[in-house]
Amino acid sequence: MKCRPGCAACCIHISISSSIPGMEKGKAAGTRCINLREDGHCALYGTDRYPSVCRSFQPSHEMCGKDVEHAARYLKNLEELTR
């Protein structure tokens, strides 16, 4: 499955514990990634600076659903389960 254009739910609603460009200490769940452009696309995607943690995160029908609201709810619930 490919990402829904402009969704960016994973760039906002999941935590990242490893260092990523511009966010050396990672990012908290609910915090917008500094590399996320206003159009909902990653400024680093397709470059050698694109973080491996992001590269390994794969979209799925279960996670993404049919809209960004579903994806946000799913990822928020996932974060709660991993605390």
PDB file of N, CA and C in Angstrom:
ATOM      1  N   MET A   1       0.843  -1.186   0.000  1.00  0.00           N
ATOM      2  CA  MET A   1       0.000   0.000   0.000  1.00  0.00           C
ATOM      3  C   MET A   1       0.883   1.243   0.000  1.00  0.00           C
ATOM      4  N   LYS A   2       0.463   2.261  -0.745  1.00  0.00           N
ATOM      5  CA  LYS A   2       1.170   3.539  -0.749  1.00  0.00           C
ATOM      6  C   LYS A   2       0.490   4.495   0.214  1.00  0.00           C
ATOM      7  N   CYS A   3       1.251   5.458   0.689  1.00  0.00           N
ATOM      8  CA  CYS A   3       0.685   6.466   1.587  1.00  0.00           C
ATOM      9  C   CYS A   3      -0.359   7.304   0.853  1.00  0.00           C
ATOM     10  N   ARG A   4      -1.378   7.733   1.614  1.00  0.00           N
ATOM     11  CA  ARG A   4      -2.381   8.640   1.079  1.00  0.00           C
ATOM     12  C   ARG A   4      -1.728  10.026   0.978  1.00  0.00           C
ATOM     13  N   PRO A   5      -1.739  10.658  -0.168  1.00  0.00           N
ATOM     14  CA  PRO A   5      -1.083  11.965  -0.319  1.00  0.00           C
ATOM     15  C   PRO A   5      -1.560  12.979   0.722  1.00  0.00           C
ATOM     16  N   GLY A   6      -0.599  13.583   1.407  1.00  0.00           N
ATOM     17  CA  GLY A   6      -0.904  14.626   2.378  1.00  0.00           C
ATOM     18  C   GLY A   6      -1.438  14.153   3.717  1.00  0.00           C
ATOM     19  N   CYS A   7      -1.544  12.860   3.960  1.00  0.00           N
ATOM     20  CA  CYS A   7      -2.102  12.338   5.213  1.00  0.00           C
ATOM     21  C   CYS A   7      -1.246  12.750   6.405  1.00  0.00           C
ATOM     22  N   ALA A   8      -0.006  12.285   6.433  1.00  0.00           N
ATOM     23  CA  ALA A   8       0.982  12.643   7.455  1.00  0.00           C
ATOM     24  C   ALA A   8       0.619  12.241   8.879  1.00  0.00           C
ATOM     25  N   ALA A   9      -0.364  11.358   9.061  1.00  0.00           N
ATOM     26  CA  ALA A   9      -0.741  10.945  10.420  1.00  0.00           C
ATOM     27  C   ALA A   9       0.441  10.355  11.175  1.00  0.00           C
ATOM     28  N   CYS A  10       1.259   9.554  10.492  1.00  0.00           N
ATOM     29  CA  CYS A  10       2.404   8.939  11.166  1.00  0.00           C
ATOM     30  C   CYS A  10       3.471   9.968  11.516  1.00  0.00           C
ATOM     31  N   CYS A  11       3.510  11.085  10.811  1.00  0.00           N
ATOM     32  CA  CYS A  11       4.494  12.141  11.065  1.00  0.00           C
ATOM     33  C   CYS A  11       4.082  13.024  12.250  1.00  0.00           C
ATOM     34  N   ILE A  12       2.897  12.796  12.748  1.00  0.00           N
ATOM     35  CA  ILE A  12       2.376  13.594  13.855  1.00  0.00           C
ATOM     36  C   ILE A  12       2.064  12.727  15.076  1.00  0.00           C
ATOM     37  N   HIS A  13       1.366  11.624  14.877  1.00  0.00           N
ATOM     38  CA  HIS A  13       0.765  10.895  15.990  1.00  0.00           C
ATOM     39  C   HIS A  13       1.591   9.785  16.616  1.00  0.00           C
ATOM     40  N   ILE A  14       2.757   9.451  16.034  1.00  0.00           N
ATOM     41  CA  ILE A  14       3.598   8.435  16.670  1.00  0.00           C
ATOM     42  C   ILE A  14       4.832   9.085  17.278  1.00  0.00           C
ATOM     43  N   SER A  15       5.366   8.444  18.303  1.00  0.00           N
ATOM     44  CA  SER A  15       6.604   8.926  18.908  1.00  0.00           C
ATOM     45  C   SER A  15       7.782   8.289  18.181  1.00  0.00           C
ATOM     46  N   ILE A  16       8.877   9.000  18.162  1.00  0.00           N
ATOM     47  CA  ILE A  16      10.125   8.487  17.604  1.00  0.00           C
ATOM     48  C   ILE A  16      11.198   8.701  18.665  1.00  0.00           C
ATOM     49  N   SER A  17      11.787   7.618  19.124  1.00  0.00           N
ATOM     50  CA  SER A  17      12.770   7.728  20.206  1.00  0.00           C
ATOM     51  C   SER A  17      14.190   7.977  19.696  1.00  0.00           C
ATOM     52  N   SER A  18      14.430   7.712  18.427  1.00  0.00           N
ATOM     53  CA  SER A  18      15.771   7.927  17.874  1.00  0.00           C
ATOM     54  C   SER A  18      15.906   9.338  17.313  1.00  0.00           C
ATOM     55  N   SER A  19      17.130   9.746  17.158  1.00  0.00           N
ATOM     56  CA  SER A  19      17.417  11.059  16.576  1.00  0.00           C
ATOM     57  C   SER A  19      17.015  11.075  15.108  1.00  0.00           C
ATOM     58  N   ILE A  20      16.380  12.168  14.695  1.00  0.00           N
ATOM     59  CA  ILE A  20      16.056  12.375  13.289  1.00  0.00           C
ATOM     60  C   ILE A  20      16.541  13.784  12.927  1.00  0.00           C
ATOM     61  N   PRO A  21      16.817  14.061  11.670  1.00  0.00           N
ATOM     62  CA  PRO A  21      17.304  15.392  11.301  1.00  0.00           C
ATOM     63  C   PRO A  21      16.386  16.509  11.800  1.00  0.00           C
ATOM     64  N   GLY A  22      16.987  17.435  12.536  1.00  0.00           N
ATOM     65  CA  GLY A  22      16.235  18.563  13.075  1.00  0.00           C
ATOM     66  C   GLY A  22      15.590  18.288  14.422  1.00  0.00           C
ATOM     67  N   MET A  23      15.577  17.033  14.846  1.00  0.00           N
ATOM     68  CA  MET A  23      14.990  16.650  16.133  1.00  0.00           C
ATOM     69  C   MET A  23      15.921  15.595  16.756  1.00  0.00           C
ATOM     70  N   GLU A  24      17.024  16.056  17.275  1.00  0.00           N
ATOM     71  CA  GLU A  24      18.074  15.171  17.767  1.00  0.00           C
ATOM     72  C   GLU A  24      17.618  14.230  18.880  1.00  0.00           C
ATOM     73  N   LYS A  25      16.626  14.641  19.640  1.00  0.00           N
ATOM     74  CA  LYS A  25      16.125  13.802  20.737  1.00  0.00           C
ATOM     75  C   LYS A  25      14.879  13.021  20.330  1.00  0.00           C
ATOM     76  N   GLY A  26      14.596  12.951  19.028  1.00  0.00           N
ATOM     77  CA  GLY A  26      13.389  12.282  18.554  1.00  0.00           C
ATOM     78  C   GLY A  26      12.194  13.209  18.670  1.00  0.00           C
ATOM     79  N   LYS A  27      10.993  12.613  18.663  1.00  0.00           N
ATOM     80  CA  LYS A  27       9.792  13.443  18.801  1.00  0.00           C
ATOM     81  C   LYS A  27       8.723  12.701  19.588  1.00  0.00           C
ATOM     82  N   ALA A  28       7.968  13.445  20.341  1.00  0.00           N
ATOM     83  CA  ALA A  28       6.879  12.883  21.142  1.00  0.00           C
ATOM     84  C   ALA A  28       5.647  12.656  20.267  1.00  0.00           C
ATOM     85  N   ALA A  29       4.828  11.694  20.654  1.00  0.00           N
ATOM     86  CA  ALA A  29       3.552  11.456  19.979  1.00  0.00           C
ATOM     87  C   ALA A  29       2.718  12.730  20.056  1.00  0.00           C
ATOM     88  N   GLY A  30       2.082  13.084  18.962  1.00  0.00           N
ATOM     89  CA  GLY A  30       1.262  14.286  18.918  1.00  0.00           C
ATOM     90  C   GLY A  30       2.035  15.534  18.522  1.00  0.00           C
ATOM     91  N   THR A  31       3.343  15.397  18.374  1.00  0.00           N
ATOM     92  CA  THR A  31       4.190  16.505  17.947  1.00  0.00           C
ATOM     93  C   THR A  31       4.446  16.384  16.456  1.00  0.00           C
ATOM     94  N   ARG A  32       4.206  17.439  15.745  1.00  0.00           N
ATOM     95  CA  ARG A  32       4.433  17.451  14.297  1.00  0.00           C
ATOM     96  C   ARG A  32       5.936  17.384  14.020  1.00  0.00           C
ATOM     97  N   CYS A  33       6.356  16.481  13.148  1.00  0.00           N
ATOM     98  CA  CYS A  33       7.764  16.374  12.775  1.00  0.00           C
ATOM     99  C   CYS A  33       8.219  17.674  12.121  1.00  0.00           C
ATOM    100  N   ILE A  34       9.393  18.115  12.470  1.00  0.00           N
ATOM    101  CA  ILE A  34       9.935  19.361  11.927  1.00  0.00           C
ATOM    102  C   ILE A  34      10.170  19.264  10.415  1.00  0.00           C
ATOM    103  N   ASN A  35      10.299  18.039   9.908  1.00  0.00           N
ATOM    104  CA  ASN A  35      10.551  17.835   8.481  1.00  0.00           C
ATOM    105  C   ASN A  35       9.269  17.731   7.657  1.00  0.00           C
ATOM    106  N   LEU A  36       8.135  17.821   8.294  1.00  0.00           N
ATOM    107  CA  LEU A  36       6.849  17.735   7.614  1.00  0.00           C
ATOM    108  C   LEU A  36       6.480  19.100   7.048  1.00  0.00           C
ATOM    109  N   ARG A  37       6.339  19.157   5.732  1.00  0.00           N
ATOM    110  CA  ARG A  37       5.979  20.417   5.078  1.00  0.00           C
ATOM    111  C   ARG A  37       4.490  20.697   5.269  1.00  0.00           C
ATOM    112  N   GLU A  38       4.096  21.908   4.989  1.00  0.00           N
ATOM    113  CA  GLU A  38       2.696  22.313   5.136  1.00  0.00           C
ATOM    114  C   GLU A  38       1.757  21.522   4.226  1.00  0.00           C
ATOM    115  N   ASP A  39       2.273  21.006   3.115  1.00  0.00           N
ATOM    116  CA  ASP A  39       1.437  20.236   2.203  1.00  0.00           C
ATOM    117  C   ASP A  39       1.279  18.774   2.623  1.00  0.00           C
ATOM    118  N   GLY A  40       1.824  18.421   3.807  1.00  0.00           N
ATOM    119  CA  GLY A  40       1.687  17.064   4.322  1.00  0.00           C
ATOM    120  C   GLY A  40       2.698  16.079   3.764  1.00  0.00           C
ATOM    121  N   HIS A  41       3.752  16.566   3.139  1.00  0.00           N
ATOM    122  CA  HIS A  41       4.803  15.705   2.598  1.00  0.00           C
ATOM    123  C   HIS A  41       6.104  15.934   3.361  1.00  0.00           C
ATOM    124  N   CYS A  42       6.912  14.898   3.459  1.00  0.00           N
ATOM    125  CA  CYS A  42       8.183  14.978   4.167  1.00  0.00           C
ATOM    126  C   CYS A  42       9.233  15.648   3.286  1.00  0.00           C
ATOM    127  N   ALA A  43       9.915  16.628   3.842  1.00  0.00           N
ATOM    128  CA  ALA A  43      10.969  17.329   3.109  1.00  0.00           C
ATOM    129  C   ALA A  43      12.182  16.433   2.865  1.00  0.00           C
ATOM    130  N   LEU A  44      12.313  15.337   3.625  1.00  0.00           N
ATOM    131  CA  LEU A  44      13.471  14.450   3.496  1.00  0.00           C
ATOM    132  C   LEU A  44      13.192  13.202   2.673  1.00  0.00           C
ATOM    133  N   TYR A  45      11.922  12.930   2.398  1.00  0.00           N
ATOM    134  CA  TYR A  45      11.559  11.706   1.673  1.00  0.00           C
ATOM    135  C   TYR A  45      12.299  11.631   0.344  1.00  0.00           C
ATOM    136  N   GLY A  46      12.869  10.467   0.071  1.00  0.00           N
ATOM    137  CA  GLY A  46      13.589  10.258  -1.176  1.00  0.00           C
ATOM    138  C   GLY A  46      15.028  10.735  -1.163  1.00  0.00           C
ATOM    139  N   THR A  47      15.484  11.265  -0.034  1.00  0.00           N
ATOM    140  CA  THR A  47      16.873  11.706   0.081  1.00  0.00           C
ATOM    141  C   THR A  47      17.626  10.752   0.994  1.00  0.00           C
ATOM    142  N   ASP A  48      18.941  10.880   1.023  1.00  0.00           N
ATOM    143  CA  ASP A  48      19.731  10.030   1.917  1.00  0.00           C
ATOM    144  C   ASP A  48      19.591  10.441   3.375  1.00  0.00           C
ATOM    145  N   ARG A  49      18.966  11.569   3.654  1.00  0.00           N
ATOM    146  CA  ARG A  49      18.717  12.019   5.033  1.00  0.00           C
ATOM    147  C   ARG A  49      17.399  11.485   5.605  1.00  0.00           C
ATOM    148  N   TYR A  50      16.587  10.842   4.756  1.00  0.00           N
ATOM    149  CA  TYR A  50      15.311  10.272   5.215  1.00  0.00           C
ATOM    150  C   TYR A  50      15.612   9.228   6.286  1.00  0.00           C
ATOM    151  N   PRO A  51      15.091   9.400   7.510  1.00  0.00           N
ATOM    152  CA  PRO A  51      15.443   8.510   8.623  1.00  0.00           C
ATOM    153  C   PRO A  51      15.048   7.050   8.380  1.00  0.00           C
ATOM    154  N   SER A  52      15.902   6.147   8.815  1.00  0.00           N
ATOM    155  CA  SER A  52      15.620   4.717   8.650  1.00  0.00           C
ATOM    156  C   SER A  52      14.368   4.316   9.421  1.00  0.00           C
ATOM    157  N   VAL A  53      14.108   4.962  10.557  1.00  0.00           N
ATOM    158  CA  VAL A  53      12.903   4.650  11.328  1.00  0.00           C
ATOM    159  C   VAL A  53      11.655   4.973  10.508  1.00  0.00           C
ATOM    160  N   CYS A  54      11.693   6.032   9.746  1.00  0.00           N
ATOM    161  CA  CYS A  54      10.558   6.403   8.895  1.00  0.00           C
ATOM    162  C   CYS A  54      10.472   5.487   7.676  1.00  0.00           C
ATOM    163  N   ARG A  55      11.626   5.158   7.130  1.00  0.00           N
ATOM    164  CA  ARG A  55      11.685   4.274   5.966  1.00  0.00           C
ATOM    165  C   ARG A  55      11.090   2.900   6.298  1.00  0.00           C
ATOM    166  N   SER A  56      11.303   2.443   7.519  1.00  0.00           N
ATOM    167  CA  SER A  56      10.828   1.112   7.901  1.00  0.00           C
ATOM    168  C   SER A  56       9.351   1.083   8.298  1.00  0.00           C
ATOM    169  N   PHE A  57       8.747   2.237   8.542  1.00  0.00           N
ATOM    170  CA  PHE A  57       7.332   2.305   8.927  1.00  0.00           C
ATOM    171  C   PHE A  57       6.479   2.202   7.663  1.00  0.00           C
ATOM    172  N   GLN A  58       5.756   1.120   7.528  1.00  0.00           N
ATOM    173  CA  GLN A  58       5.000   0.863   6.299  1.00  0.00           C
ATOM    174  C   GLN A  58       3.500   1.043   6.502  1.00  0.00           C
ATOM    175  N   PRO A  59       2.831   1.738   5.592  1.00  0.00           N
ATOM    176  CA  PRO A  59       1.378   1.899   5.689  1.00  0.00           C
ATOM    177  C   PRO A  59       0.665   0.573   5.432  1.00  0.00           C
ATOM    178  N   SER A  60      -0.517   0.442   6.017  1.00  0.00           N
ATOM    179  CA  SER A  60      -1.342  -0.746   5.796  1.00  0.00           C
ATOM    180  C   SER A  60      -2.807  -0.309   5.769  1.00  0.00           C
ATOM    181  N   HIS A  61      -3.642  -1.130   5.168  1.00  0.00           N
ATOM    182  CA  HIS A  61      -5.079  -0.809   5.127  1.00  0.00           C
ATOM    183  C   HIS A  61      -5.649  -0.749   6.539  1.00  0.00           C
ATOM    184  N   GLU A  62      -5.205  -1.637   7.416  1.00  0.00           N
ATOM    185  CA  GLU A  62      -5.687  -1.646   8.800  1.00  0.00           C
ATOM    186  C   GLU A  62      -5.345  -0.332   9.511  1.00  0.00           C
ATOM    187  N   MET A  63      -4.124   0.138   9.335  1.00  0.00           N
ATOM    188  CA  MET A  63      -3.675   1.345  10.011  1.00  0.00           C
ATOM    189  C   MET A  63      -4.268   2.598   9.370  1.00  0.00           C
ATOM    190  N   CYS A  64      -4.204   2.686   8.066  1.00  0.00           N
ATOM    191  CA  CYS A  64      -4.576   3.921   7.370  1.00  0.00           C
ATOM    192  C   CYS A  64      -6.080   4.083   7.162  1.00  0.00           C
ATOM    193  N   GLY A  65      -6.787   2.974   7.024  1.00  0.00           N
ATOM    194  CA  GLY A  65      -8.219   3.057   6.797  1.00  0.00           C
ATOM    195  C   GLY A  65      -8.547   3.840   5.541  1.00  0.00           C
ATOM    196  N   LYS A  66      -9.709   4.490   5.570  1.00  0.00           N
ATOM    197  CA  LYS A  66     -10.125   5.224   4.369  1.00  0.00           C
ATOM    198  C   LYS A  66      -9.894   6.729   4.451  1.00  0.00           C
ATOM    199  N   ASP A  67      -9.461   7.224   5.625  1.00  0.00           N
ATOM    200  CA  ASP A  67      -9.222   8.658   5.742  1.00  0.00           C
ATOM    201  C   ASP A  67      -8.213   8.953   6.845  1.00  0.00           C
ATOM    202  N   VAL A  68      -7.761  10.188   6.890  1.00  0.00           N
ATOM    203  CA  VAL A  68      -6.738  10.605   7.845  1.00  0.00           C
ATOM    204  C   VAL A  68      -7.246  10.502   9.287  1.00  0.00           C
ATOM    205  N   GLU A  69      -8.526  10.696   9.499  1.00  0.00           N
ATOM    206  CA  GLU A  69      -9.080  10.594  10.850  1.00  0.00           C
ATOM    207  C   GLU A  69      -8.941   9.171  11.385  1.00  0.00           C
ATOM    208  N   HIS A  70      -9.205   8.178  10.533  1.00  0.00           N
ATOM    209  CA  HIS A  70      -9.030   6.785  10.937  1.00  0.00           C
ATOM    210  C   HIS A  70      -7.566   6.532  11.297  1.00  0.00           C
ATOM    211  N   ALA A  71      -6.642   6.980  10.438  1.00  0.00           N
ATOM    212  CA  ALA A  71      -5.214   6.774  10.675  1.00  0.00           C
ATOM    213  C   ALA A  71      -4.784   7.423  11.992  1.00  0.00           C
ATOM    214  N   ALA A  72      -5.255   8.622  12.260  1.00  0.00           N
ATOM    215  CA  ALA A  72      -4.905   9.320  13.498  1.00  0.00           C
ATOM    216  C   ALA A  72      -5.407   8.547  14.716  1.00  0.00           C
ATOM    217  N   ARG A  73      -6.647   8.093  14.681  1.00  0.00           N
ATOM    218  CA  ARG A  73      -7.195   7.310  15.806  1.00  0.00           C
ATOM    219  C   ARG A  73      -6.401   6.027  16.017  1.00  0.00           C
ATOM    220  N   TYR A  74      -6.116   5.322  14.938  1.00  0.00           N
ATOM    221  CA  TYR A  74      -5.380   4.068  15.012  1.00  0.00           C
ATOM    222  C   TYR A  74      -3.999   4.284  15.648  1.00  0.00           C
ATOM    223  N   LEU A  75      -3.285   5.296  15.177  1.00  0.00           N
ATOM    224  CA  LEU A  75      -1.938   5.554  15.686  1.00  0.00           C
ATOM    225  C   LEU A  75      -1.948   6.051  17.125  1.00  0.00           C
ATOM    226  N   LYS A  76      -2.934   6.846  17.490  1.00  0.00           N
ATOM    227  CA  LYS A  76      -3.054   7.280  18.890  1.00  0.00           C
ATOM    228  C   LYS A  76      -3.309   6.077  19.789  1.00  0.00           C
ATOM    229  N   ASN A  77      -4.177   5.168  19.369  1.00  0.00           N
ATOM    230  CA  ASN A  77      -4.438   3.947  20.141  1.00  0.00           C
ATOM    231  C   ASN A  77      -3.190   3.085  20.233  1.00  0.00           C
ATOM    232  N   LEU A  78      -2.441   2.971  19.168  1.00  0.00           N
ATOM    233  CA  LEU A  78      -1.206   2.208  19.164  1.00  0.00           C
ATOM    234  C   LEU A  78      -0.212   2.789  20.161  1.00  0.00           C
ATOM    235  N   GLU A  79      -0.107   4.085  20.204  1.00  0.00           N
ATOM    236  CA  GLU A  79       0.789   4.756  21.169  1.00  0.00           C
ATOM    237  C   GLU A  79       0.362   4.435  22.600  1.00  0.00           C
ATOM    238  N   GLU A  80      -0.938   4.471  22.859  1.00  0.00           N
ATOM    239  CA  GLU A  80      -1.444   4.147  24.201  1.00  0.00           C
ATOM    240  C   GLU A  80      -1.076   2.728  24.608  1.00  0.00           C
ATOM    241  N   LEU A  81      -1.182   1.798  23.670  1.00  0.00           N
ATOM    242  CA  LEU A  81      -0.870   0.395  23.954  1.00  0.00           C
ATOM    243  C   LEU A  81       0.608   0.166  24.233  1.00  0.00           C
ATOM    244  N   THR A  82       1.469   1.001  23.680  1.00  0.00           N
ATOM    245  CA  THR A  82       2.906   0.790  23.841  1.00  0.00           C
ATOM    246  C   THR A  82       3.486   1.541  25.032  1.00  0.00           C
ATOM    247  N   ARG A  83       2.679   2.242  25.761  1.00  0.00           N
ATOM    248  CA  ARG A  83       3.184   2.970  26.952  1.00  0.00           C
ATOM    249  C   ARG A  83       3.366   2.051  28.116  1.00  0.00           C
TER     250      ARG A  83
END
